[in-house]
Amino acid sequence: MKPELRENLQEALRRGHEIQRFVAGLTLEDYSTDDKTRLAVERSFEIIGEALNRSSKIAPEPIDAIRNHRQIISFRNILAHCYDTVEDRIVWGIIERSLPELLEDLGTLLKD
């Protein structure tokens, strides 16, 4: 694996674990009322999306192994450009359902 690709994937993995730490023990209601956590989570998702976007340009084939990578990149664009329309319950759903899959896929890719 190219060093630049590995660095991007490791950064995405770090940020994903960071999101999990940020929201540990919180409910959706807690998350919705905590501006610092919401901003930190959204920024971390932006970084993940950008890391995957860069990675797809370096080596598209390995990135295809990441479930929903195109949606993750699109989500980054929404967060960056349409931040005022992002609903907390959607972000929370992504944290609960999609983030664990992403972390699993990244871990698998980085084992190689």
Protein backbone atom coordinates (compact mmCIF):
# COMPACT_ATOMS: atom_id res chain seq x y z
CA MET A 1 0.00 0.00 0.00
CA LYS A 2 1.29 3.43 -0.90
CA PRO A 3 2.40 5.44 2.16
CA GLU A 4 0.10 8.37 1.30
CA LEU A 5 -2.89 6.03 1.01
CA ARG A 6 -2.05 4.39 4.34
CA GLU A 7 -1.75 7.80 6.02
CA ASN A 8 -5.17 8.89 4.72
CA LEU A 9 -6.83 5.66 5.83
CA GLN A 10 -5.17 5.84 9.24
CA GLU A 11 -6.38 9.42 9.64
CA ALA A 12 -9.94 8.36 8.76
CA LEU A 13 -9.72 5.51 11.28
CA ARG A 14 -8.39 7.84 14.00
CA ARG A 15 -11.15 10.35 13.37
CA GLY A 16 -13.80 7.65 13.42
CA HIS A 17 -12.61 6.43 16.81
CA GLU A 18 -12.49 10.03 17.93
CA ILE A 19 -16.17 10.46 17.04
CA GLN A 20 -17.01 7.40 19.09
CA ARG A 21 -15.14 8.87 22.06
CA PHE A 22 -16.89 12.23 21.64
CA VAL A 23 -20.36 10.68 21.82
CA ALA A 24 -19.70 7.91 24.33
CA GLY A 25 -22.49 7.87 26.90
CA LEU A 26 -24.56 10.51 25.10
CA THR A 27 -28.09 10.26 23.80
CA LEU A 28 -29.37 11.99 20.67
CA GLU A 29 -30.87 14.67 22.92
CA ASP A 30 -27.53 15.19 24.69
CA TYR A 31 -25.77 15.39 21.35
CA SER A 32 -28.30 17.87 19.95
CA THR A 33 -27.82 20.29 22.82
CA ASP A 34 -24.01 20.09 22.99
CA ASP A 35 -22.65 22.52 20.41
CA LYS A 36 -19.00 21.63 21.03
CA THR A 37 -19.61 17.92 20.51
CA ARG A 38 -21.76 18.48 17.42
CA LEU A 39 -19.14 20.71 15.84
CA ALA A 40 -16.32 18.30 16.71
CA VAL A 41 -18.23 15.32 15.30
CA GLU A 42 -19.17 17.14 12.11
CA ARG A 43 -15.58 18.32 11.61
CA SER A 44 -14.29 14.79 12.13
CA PHE A 45 -16.76 13.48 9.54
CA GLU A 46 -15.54 16.17 7.13
CA ILE A 47 -11.96 14.98 7.62
CA ILE A 48 -12.97 11.35 7.13
CA GLY A 49 -14.76 12.23 3.89
CA GLU A 50 -11.80 14.22 2.63
CA ALA A 51 -9.37 11.43 3.53
CA LEU A 52 -11.49 8.93 1.60
CA ASN A 53 -11.80 11.31 -1.34
CA ARG A 54 -8.04 11.76 -1.51
CA SER A 55 -7.55 8.02 -1.11
CA SER A 56 -9.90 7.25 -3.99
CA LYS A 57 -7.75 9.42 -6.25
CA ILE A 58 -4.56 7.66 -5.15
CA ALA A 59 -5.86 4.10 -5.39
CA PRO A 60 -9.54 3.62 -6.29
CA GLU A 61 -9.59 -0.18 -6.00
CA PRO A 62 -8.89 -0.49 -2.27
CA ILE A 63 -11.39 2.27 -1.51
CA ASP A 64 -14.09 0.31 -3.32
CA ALA A 65 -13.83 -2.19 -0.44
CA ILE A 66 -15.20 0.47 1.93
CA ARG A 67 -18.96 0.18 2.16
CA ASN A 68 -20.73 3.39 1.24
CA HIS A 69 -17.51 5.29 0.54
CA ARG A 70 -19.23 7.45 -2.06
CA GLN A 71 -21.97 8.39 0.39
CA ILE A 72 -19.35 9.19 3.03
CA ILE A 73 -17.59 11.54 0.62
CA SER A 74 -20.95 13.11 -0.30
CA PHE A 75 -21.78 13.53 3.38
CA ARG A 76 -18.52 15.44 3.80
CA ASN A 77 -19.62 17.80 1.03
CA ILE A 78 -22.99 18.33 2.68
CA LEU A 79 -21.33 19.10 6.01
CA ALA A 80 -18.90 21.52 4.40
CA HIS A 81 -21.28 23.32 2.08
CA CYS A 82 -24.81 22.84 3.46
CA TYR A 83 -23.96 22.82 7.15
CA ASP A 84 -27.03 24.87 8.01
CA THR A 85 -29.36 22.11 6.81
CA VAL A 86 -27.74 19.15 8.61
CA GLU A 87 -30.13 17.41 10.98
CA ASP A 88 -28.74 16.04 14.23
CA ARG A 89 -30.82 12.87 14.04
CA ILE A 90 -29.29 12.05 10.64
CA VAL A 91 -25.75 12.53 11.95
CA TRP A 92 -26.66 10.45 15.00
CA GLY A 93 -28.00 7.67 12.78
CA ILE A 94 -24.76 7.67 10.81
CA ILE A 95 -22.80 7.44 14.05
CA GLU A 96 -24.86 4.49 15.23
CA ARG A 97 -25.25 2.54 11.98
CA SER A 98 -22.61 3.50 9.43
CA LEU A 99 -19.59 4.48 11.51
CA PRO A 100 -19.01 0.96 12.94
CA GLU A 101 -19.04 -0.47 9.39
CA LEU A 102 -16.59 2.18 8.23
CA LEU A 103 -14.21 1.46 11.11
CA GLU A 104 -14.40 -2.25 10.37
CA ASP A 105 -13.64 -1.72 6.69
CA LEU A 106 -10.75 0.65 7.43
CA GLY A 107 -9.31 -1.80 9.94
CA THR A 108 -9.46 -4.59 7.38
CA LEU A 109 -7.74 -2.48 4.71
CA LEU A 110 -5.00 -1.37 7.07
CA LYS A 111 -4.18 -4.93 8.12
CA ASP A 112 -2.74 -5.58 4.68
